[in-house]
PDB file of all heavy atoms in Angstrom:
ATOM      1  N   LEU A   1     -20.527  11.815 -14.179  1.00  0.00           N
ATOM      2  CA  LEU A   1     -20.650  12.921 -13.224  1.00  0.00           C
ATOM      3  C   LEU A   1     -21.082  12.420 -11.849  1.00  0.00           C
ATOM      4  O   LEU A   1     -20.596  12.904 -10.824  1.00  0.00           O
ATOM      5  CB  LEU A   1     -21.664  13.949 -13.746  1.00  0.00           C
ATOM      6  CG  LEU A   1     -21.227  14.768 -14.957  1.00  0.00           C
ATOM      7  CD1 LEU A   1     -22.382  15.628 -15.454  1.00  0.00           C
ATOM      8  CD2 LEU A   1     -20.032  15.645 -14.609  1.00  0.00           C
ATOM      9  N   MET A   2     -21.993  11.454 -11.819  1.00  0.00           N
ATOM     10  CA  MET A   2     -22.445  10.900 -10.540  1.00  0.00           C
ATOM     11  C   MET A   2     -21.289  10.287  -9.760  1.00  0.00           C
ATOM     12  O   MET A   2     -21.142  10.509  -8.546  1.00  0.00           O
ATOM     13  CB  MET A   2     -23.535   9.855 -10.803  1.00  0.00           C
ATOM     14  CG  MET A   2     -24.140   9.226  -9.557  1.00  0.00           C
ATOM     15  SD  MET A   2     -23.236   7.750  -8.990  1.00  0.00           S
ATOM     16  CE  MET A   2     -23.558   6.618 -10.364  1.00  0.00           C
ATOM     17  N   ALA A   3     -20.436   9.541 -10.454  1.00  0.00           N
ATOM     18  CA  ALA A   3     -19.300   8.906  -9.791  1.00  0.00           C
ATOM     19  C   ALA A   3     -18.312   9.952  -9.267  1.00  0.00           C
ATOM     20  O   ALA A   3     -17.857   9.887  -8.120  1.00  0.00           O
ATOM     21  CB  ALA A   3     -18.597   7.957 -10.761  1.00  0.00           C
ATOM     22  N   ALA A   4     -17.972  10.934 -10.109  1.00  0.00           N
ATOM     23  CA  ALA A   4     -17.003  11.966  -9.711  1.00  0.00           C
ATOM     24  C   ALA A   4     -17.539  12.797  -8.546  1.00  0.00           C
ATOM     25  O   ALA A   4     -16.812  13.103  -7.589  1.00  0.00           O
ATOM     26  CB  ALA A   4     -16.685  12.865 -10.901  1.00  0.00           C
ATOM     27  N   MET A   5     -18.814  13.156  -8.598  1.00  0.00           N
ATOM     28  CA  MET A   5     -19.403  13.995  -7.550  1.00  0.00           C
ATOM     29  C   MET A   5     -19.518  13.237  -6.226  1.00  0.00           C
ATOM     30  O   MET A   5     -19.449  13.838  -5.153  1.00  0.00           O
ATOM     31  CB  MET A   5     -20.772  14.510  -8.011  1.00  0.00           C
ATOM     32  CG  MET A   5     -20.677  15.490  -9.183  1.00  0.00           C
ATOM     33  SD  MET A   5     -22.270  15.849  -9.979  1.00  0.00           S
ATOM     34  CE  MET A   5     -23.003  16.970  -8.799  1.00  0.00           C
ATOM     35  N   THR A   6     -19.690  11.919  -6.287  1.00  0.00           N
ATOM     36  CA  THR A   6     -19.763  11.130  -5.047  1.00  0.00           C
ATOM     37  C   THR A   6     -18.414  11.126  -4.335  1.00  0.00           C
ATOM     38  O   THR A   6     -18.346  11.238  -3.112  1.00  0.00           O
ATOM     39  CB  THR A   6     -20.224   9.692  -5.355  1.00  0.00           C
ATOM     40  OG1 THR A   6     -21.471   9.722  -6.039  1.00  0.00           O
ATOM     41  CG2 THR A   6     -20.375   8.895  -4.075  1.00  0.00           C
ATOM     42  N   PHE A   7     -17.341  10.970  -5.102  1.00  0.00           N
ATOM     43  CA  PHE A   7     -15.999  11.059  -4.527  1.00  0.00           C
ATOM     44  C   PHE A   7     -15.819  12.383  -3.795  1.00  0.00           C
ATOM     45  O   PHE A   7     -15.383  12.437  -2.639  1.00  0.00           O
ATOM     46  CB  PHE A   7     -14.938  10.942  -5.627  1.00  0.00           C
ATOM     47  CG  PHE A   7     -14.451   9.557  -5.884  1.00  0.00           C
ATOM     48  CD1 PHE A   7     -14.770   8.896  -7.059  1.00  0.00           C
ATOM     49  CD2 PHE A   7     -13.661   8.900  -4.952  1.00  0.00           C
ATOM     50  CE1 PHE A   7     -14.313   7.615  -7.307  1.00  0.00           C
ATOM     51  CE2 PHE A   7     -13.191   7.608  -5.186  1.00  0.00           C
ATOM     52  CZ  PHE A   7     -13.516   6.967  -6.366  1.00  0.00           C
ATOM     53  N   VAL A   8     -16.136  13.482  -4.479  1.00  0.00           N
ATOM     54  CA  VAL A   8     -15.924  14.818  -3.919  1.00  0.00           C
ATOM     55  C   VAL A   8     -16.819  15.046  -2.708  1.00  0.00           C
ATOM     56  O   VAL A   8     -16.408  15.676  -1.721  1.00  0.00           O
ATOM     57  CB  VAL A   8     -16.175  15.900  -4.993  1.00  0.00           C
ATOM     58  CG1 VAL A   8     -16.081  17.297  -4.385  1.00  0.00           C
ATOM     59  CG2 VAL A   8     -15.164  15.761  -6.129  1.00  0.00           C
ATOM     60  N   ALA A   9     -18.050  14.522  -2.745  1.00  0.00           N
ATOM     61  CA  ALA A   9     -18.961  14.674  -1.612  1.00  0.00           C
ATOM     62  C   ALA A   9     -18.380  14.036  -0.358  1.00  0.00           C
ATOM     63  O   ALA A   9     -18.454  14.600   0.743  1.00  0.00           O
ATOM     64  CB  ALA A   9     -20.320  14.046  -1.946  1.00  0.00           C
ATOM     65  N   PHE A  10     -17.769  12.858  -0.499  1.00  0.00           N
ATOM     66  CA  PHE A  10     -17.157  12.191   0.653  1.00  0.00           C
ATOM     67  C   PHE A  10     -15.970  12.995   1.186  1.00  0.00           C
ATOM     68  O   PHE A  10     -15.856  13.231   2.395  1.00  0.00           O
ATOM     69  CB  PHE A  10     -16.694  10.784   0.267  1.00  0.00           C
ATOM     70  CG  PHE A  10     -15.888  10.107   1.346  1.00  0.00           C
ATOM     71  CD1 PHE A  10     -16.520   9.473   2.408  1.00  0.00           C
ATOM     72  CD2 PHE A  10     -14.500  10.130   1.324  1.00  0.00           C
ATOM     73  CE1 PHE A  10     -15.787   8.867   3.416  1.00  0.00           C
ATOM     74  CE2 PHE A  10     -13.760   9.538   2.323  1.00  0.00           C
ATOM     75  CZ  PHE A  10     -14.394   8.894   3.373  1.00  0.00           C
ATOM     76  N   LEU A  11     -15.077  13.406   0.290  1.00  0.00           N
ATOM     77  CA  LEU A  11     -13.876  14.136   0.716  1.00  0.00           C
ATOM     78  C   LEU A  11     -14.241  15.468   1.358  1.00  0.00           C
ATOM     79  O   LEU A  11     -13.598  15.900   2.324  1.00  0.00           O
ATOM     80  CB  LEU A  11     -12.954  14.362  -0.488  1.00  0.00           C
ATOM     81  CG  LEU A  11     -12.392  13.088  -1.140  1.00  0.00           C
ATOM     82  CD1 LEU A  11     -11.584  13.429  -2.376  1.00  0.00           C
ATOM     83  CD2 LEU A  11     -11.529  12.314  -0.143  1.00  0.00           C
ATOM     84  N   ASN A  12     -15.267  16.110   0.839  1.00  0.00           N
ATOM     85  CA  ASN A  12     -15.708  17.388   1.414  1.00  0.00           C
ATOM     86  C   ASN A  12     -16.306  17.168   2.797  1.00  0.00           C
ATOM     87  O   ASN A  12     -16.071  17.948   3.732  1.00  0.00           O
ATOM     88  CB  ASN A  12     -16.733  18.038   0.483  1.00  0.00           C
ATOM     89  CG  ASN A  12     -16.816  19.539   0.664  1.00  0.00           C
ATOM     90  OD1 ASN A  12     -15.828  20.194   0.988  1.00  0.00           O
ATOM     91  ND2 ASN A  12     -17.995  20.084   0.458  1.00  0.00           N
ATOM     92  N   HIS A  13     -17.088  16.098   2.951  1.00  0.00           N
ATOM     93  CA  HIS A  13     -17.698  15.785   4.249  1.00  0.00           C
ATOM     94  C   HIS A  13     -16.640  15.462   5.299  1.00  0.00           C
ATOM     95  O   HIS A  13     -16.779  15.820   6.465  1.00  0.00           O
ATOM     96  CB  HIS A  13     -18.652  14.596   4.088  1.00  0.00           C
ATOM     97  CG  HIS A  13     -19.253  14.127   5.377  1.00  0.00           C
ATOM     98  ND1 HIS A  13     -20.283  14.795   5.994  1.00  0.00           N
ATOM     99  CD2 HIS A  13     -18.959  13.060   6.179  1.00  0.00           C
ATOM    100  CE1 HIS A  13     -20.600  14.160   7.120  1.00  0.00           C
ATOM    101  NE2 HIS A  13     -19.816  13.106   7.242  1.00  0.00           N
ATOM    102  N   GLN A  14     -15.581  14.816   4.879  1.00  0.00           N
ATOM    103  CA  GLN A  14     -14.497  14.456   5.792  1.00  0.00           C
ATOM    104  C   GLN A  14     -13.635  15.664   6.177  1.00  0.00           C
ATOM    105  O   GLN A  14     -12.816  15.567   7.083  1.00  0.00           O
ATOM    106  CB  GLN A  14     -13.617  13.386   5.148  1.00  0.00           C
ATOM    107  CG  GLN A  14     -14.301  12.048   4.958  1.00  0.00           C
ATOM    108  CD  GLN A  14     -14.529  11.323   6.270  1.00  0.00           C
ATOM    109  OE1 GLN A  14     -13.652  11.248   7.110  1.00  0.00           O
ATOM    110  NE2 GLN A  14     -15.739  10.792   6.447  1.00  0.00           N
ATOM    111  N   GLY A  15     -13.799  16.785   5.477  1.00  0.00           N
ATOM    112  CA  GLY A  15     -12.995  17.974   5.762  1.00  0.00           C
ATOM    113  C   GLY A  15     -11.607  17.935   5.167  1.00  0.00           C
ATOM    114  O   GLY A  15     -10.779  18.803   5.451  1.00  0.00           O
ATOM    115  N   LEU A  16     -11.347  16.951   4.305  1.00  0.00           N
ATOM    116  CA  LEU A  16     -10.011  16.827   3.728  1.00  0.00           C
ATOM    117  C   LEU A  16      -9.688  17.988   2.799  1.00  0.00           C
ATOM    118  O   LEU A  16      -8.557  18.488   2.785  1.00  0.00           O
ATOM    119  CB  LEU A  16      -9.894  15.510   2.966  1.00  0.00           C
ATOM    120  CG  LEU A  16      -9.634  14.270   3.821  1.00  0.00           C
ATOM    121  CD1 LEU A  16      -9.856  13.017   3.005  1.00  0.00           C
ATOM    122  CD2 LEU A  16      -8.216  14.294   4.365  1.00  0.00           C
ATOM    123  N   ILE A  17     -10.677  18.412   2.022  1.00  0.00           N
ATOM    124  CA  ILE A  17     -10.439  19.507   1.079  1.00  0.00           C
ATOM    125  C   ILE A  17     -10.104  20.791   1.828  1.00  0.00           C
ATOM    126  O   ILE A  17      -9.134  21.501   1.509  1.00  0.00           O
ATOM    127  CB  ILE A  17     -11.675  19.705   0.180  1.00  0.00           C
ATOM    128  CG1 ILE A  17     -11.905  18.449  -0.675  1.00  0.00           C
ATOM    129  CG2 ILE A  17     -11.500  20.929  -0.710  1.00  0.00           C
ATOM    130  CD1 ILE A  17     -13.181  18.467  -1.480  1.00  0.00           C
ATOM    131  N   GLU A  18     -10.899  21.094   2.854  1.00  0.00           N
ATOM    132  CA  GLU A  18     -10.670  22.298   3.656  1.00  0.00           C
ATOM    133  C   GLU A  18      -9.306  22.245   4.339  1.00  0.00           C
ATOM    134  O   GLU A  18      -8.578  23.239   4.395  1.00  0.00           O
ATOM    135  CB  GLU A  18     -11.781  22.437   4.696  1.00  0.00           C
ATOM    136  CG  GLU A  18     -11.709  23.719   5.511  1.00  0.00           C
ATOM    137  CD  GLU A  18     -12.801  23.774   6.574  1.00  0.00           C
ATOM    138  OE1 GLU A  18     -13.435  22.730   6.825  1.00  0.00           O
ATOM    139  OE2 GLU A  18     -13.010  24.851   7.150  1.00  0.00           O
ATOM    140  N   SER A  19      -8.943  21.092   4.856  1.00  0.00           N
ATOM    141  CA  SER A  19      -7.663  20.947   5.554  1.00  0.00           C
ATOM    142  C   SER A  19      -6.485  21.174   4.618  1.00  0.00           C
ATOM    143  O   SER A  19      -5.504  21.828   4.974  1.00  0.00           O
ATOM    144  CB  SER A  19      -7.561  19.550   6.174  1.00  0.00           C
ATOM    145  OG  SER A  19      -8.577  19.348   7.130  1.00  0.00           O
ATOM    146  N   VAL A  20      -6.591  20.638   3.405  1.00  0.00           N
ATOM    147  CA  VAL A  20      -5.511  20.802   2.432  1.00  0.00           C
ATOM    148  C   VAL A  20      -5.335  22.273   2.065  1.00  0.00           C
ATOM    149  O   VAL A  20      -4.213  22.769   1.923  1.00  0.00           O
ATOM    150  CB  VAL A  20      -5.791  19.952   1.171  1.00  0.00           C
ATOM    151  CG1 VAL A  20      -4.822  20.312   0.055  1.00  0.00           C
ATOM    152  CG2 VAL A  20      -5.695  18.477   1.506  1.00  0.00           C
ATOM    153  N   ILE A  21      -6.457  22.984   1.915  1.00  0.00           N
ATOM    154  CA  ILE A  21      -6.380  24.412   1.575  1.00  0.00           C
ATOM    155  C   ILE A  21      -5.559  25.166   2.614  1.00  0.00           C
ATOM    156  O   ILE A  21      -4.596  25.880   2.288  1.00  0.00           O
ATOM    157  CB  ILE A  21      -7.796  25.024   1.485  1.00  0.00           C
ATOM    158  CG1 ILE A  21      -8.572  24.422   0.310  1.00  0.00           C
ATOM    159  CG2 ILE A  21      -7.710  26.542   1.332  1.00  0.00           C
ATOM    160  CD1 ILE A  21     -10.021  24.854   0.273  1.00  0.00           C
ATOM    161  N   TYR A  22      -5.940  25.035   3.881  1.00  0.00           N
ATOM    162  CA  TYR A  22      -5.282  25.818   4.936  1.00  0.00           C
ATOM    163  C   TYR A  22      -3.884  25.315   5.246  1.00  0.00           C
ATOM    164  O   TYR A  22      -3.069  26.046   5.798  1.00  0.00           O
ATOM    165  CB  TYR A  22      -6.157  25.818   6.193  1.00  0.00           C
ATOM    166  CG  TYR A  22      -7.349  26.734   6.063  1.00  0.00           C
ATOM    167  CD1 TYR A  22      -8.615  26.228   5.773  1.00  0.00           C
ATOM    168  CD2 TYR A  22      -7.209  28.117   6.210  1.00  0.00           C
ATOM    169  CE1 TYR A  22      -9.712  27.062   5.635  1.00  0.00           C
ATOM    170  CE2 TYR A  22      -8.302  28.956   6.078  1.00  0.00           C
ATOM    171  CZ  TYR A  22      -9.551  28.431   5.796  1.00  0.00           C
ATOM    172  OH  TYR A  22     -10.628  29.263   5.651  1.00  0.00           O
ATOM    173  N   LYS A  23      -3.611  24.079   4.878  1.00  0.00           N
ATOM    174  CA  LYS A  23      -2.272  23.544   5.111  1.00  0.00           C
ATOM    175  C   LYS A  23      -1.236  24.278   4.261  1.00  0.00           C
ATOM    176  O   LYS A  23      -0.080  24.470   4.667  1.00  0.00           O
ATOM    177  CB  LYS A  23      -2.254  22.049   4.799  1.00  0.00           C
ATOM    178  CG  LYS A  23      -0.983  21.333   5.262  1.00  0.00           C
ATOM    179  CD  LYS A  23      -1.089  19.856   5.024  1.00  0.00           C
ATOM    180  CE  LYS A  23       0.116  19.107   5.563  1.00  0.00           C
ATOM    181  NZ  LYS A  23       0.270  19.207   7.011  1.00  0.00           N
ATOM    182  N   PHE A  24      -1.645  24.701   3.075  1.00  0.00           N
ATOM    183  CA  PHE A  24      -0.718  25.359   2.157  1.00  0.00           C
ATOM    184  C   PHE A  24      -0.744  26.886   2.273  1.00  0.00           C
ATOM    185  O   PHE A  24       0.075  27.563   1.650  1.00  0.00           O
ATOM    186  CB  PHE A  24      -1.027  24.948   0.716  1.00  0.00           C
ATOM    187  CG  PHE A  24      -0.613  23.537   0.404  1.00  0.00           C
ATOM    188  CD1 PHE A  24      -1.520  22.496   0.487  1.00  0.00           C
ATOM    189  CD2 PHE A  24       0.696  23.242   0.046  1.00  0.00           C
ATOM    190  CE1 PHE A  24      -1.137  21.193   0.205  1.00  0.00           C
ATOM    191  CE2 PHE A  24       1.091  21.949  -0.232  1.00  0.00           C
ATOM    192  CZ  PHE A  24       0.163  20.917  -0.151  1.00  0.00           C
ATOM    193  N   LEU A  25      -1.676  27.420   3.047  1.00  0.00           N
ATOM    194  CA  LEU A  25      -1.721  28.871   3.232  1.00  0.00           C
ATOM    195  C   LEU A  25      -0.797  29.281   4.376  1.00  0.00           C
ATOM    196  O   LEU A  25      -0.831  28.674   5.450  1.00  0.00           O
ATOM    197  CB  LEU A  25      -3.150  29.331   3.542  1.00  0.00           C
ATOM    198  CG  LEU A  25      -4.154  29.325   2.388  1.00  0.00           C
ATOM    199  CD1 LEU A  25      -5.523  29.762   2.896  1.00  0.00           C
ATOM    200  CD2 LEU A  25      -3.698  30.249   1.269  1.00  0.00           C
ATOM    201  N   PRO A  26       0.033  30.312   4.185  1.00  0.00           N
ATOM    202  CA  PRO A  26       0.893  30.793   5.274  1.00  0.00           C
ATOM    203  C   PRO A  26       0.069  31.515   6.331  1.00  0.00           C
ATOM    204  O   PRO A  26      -1.064  31.934   6.076  1.00  0.00           O
ATOM    205  CB  PRO A  26       1.852  31.755   4.564  1.00  0.00           C
ATOM    206  CG  PRO A  26       1.097  32.206   3.354  1.00  0.00           C
ATOM    207  CD  PRO A  26       0.249  31.047   2.931  1.00  0.00           C
ATOM    208  N   SER A  27       0.631  31.658   7.529  1.00  0.00           N
ATOM    209  CA  SER A  27      -0.104  32.325   8.610  1.00  0.00           C
ATOM    210  C   SER A  27      -0.277  33.821   8.326  1.00  0.00           C
ATOM    211  O   SER A  27      -1.262  34.421   8.738  1.00  0.00           O
ATOM    212  CB  SER A  27       0.627  32.137   9.944  1.00  0.00           C
ATOM    213  OG  SER A  27       1.965  32.614   9.841  1.00  0.00           O
ATOM    214  N   LYS A  28       0.677  34.416   7.612  1.00  0.00           N
ATOM    215  CA  LYS A  28       0.578  35.816   7.201  1.00  0.00           C
ATOM    216  C   LYS A  28       0.884  35.906   5.709  1.00  0.00           C
ATOM    217  O   LYS A  28       1.853  35.314   5.233  1.00  0.00           O
ATOM    218  CB  LYS A  28       1.559  36.695   7.980  1.00  0.00           C
ATOM    219  CG  LYS A  28       1.172  36.950   9.424  1.00  0.00           C
ATOM    220  CD  LYS A  28       2.111  37.959  10.064  1.00  0.00           C
ATOM    221  CE  LYS A  28       1.710  38.238  11.518  1.00  0.00           C
ATOM    222  NZ  LYS A  28       2.601  39.238  12.147  1.00  0.00           N
TER     223      LYS A  28
END
């Protein structure tokens, strides 16, 4: 769990997760 959560903590801090979400959402 420590290893998996560290990966996610980095990606979340970099904003990659948030960017991917909105990339796939349409404008309307």
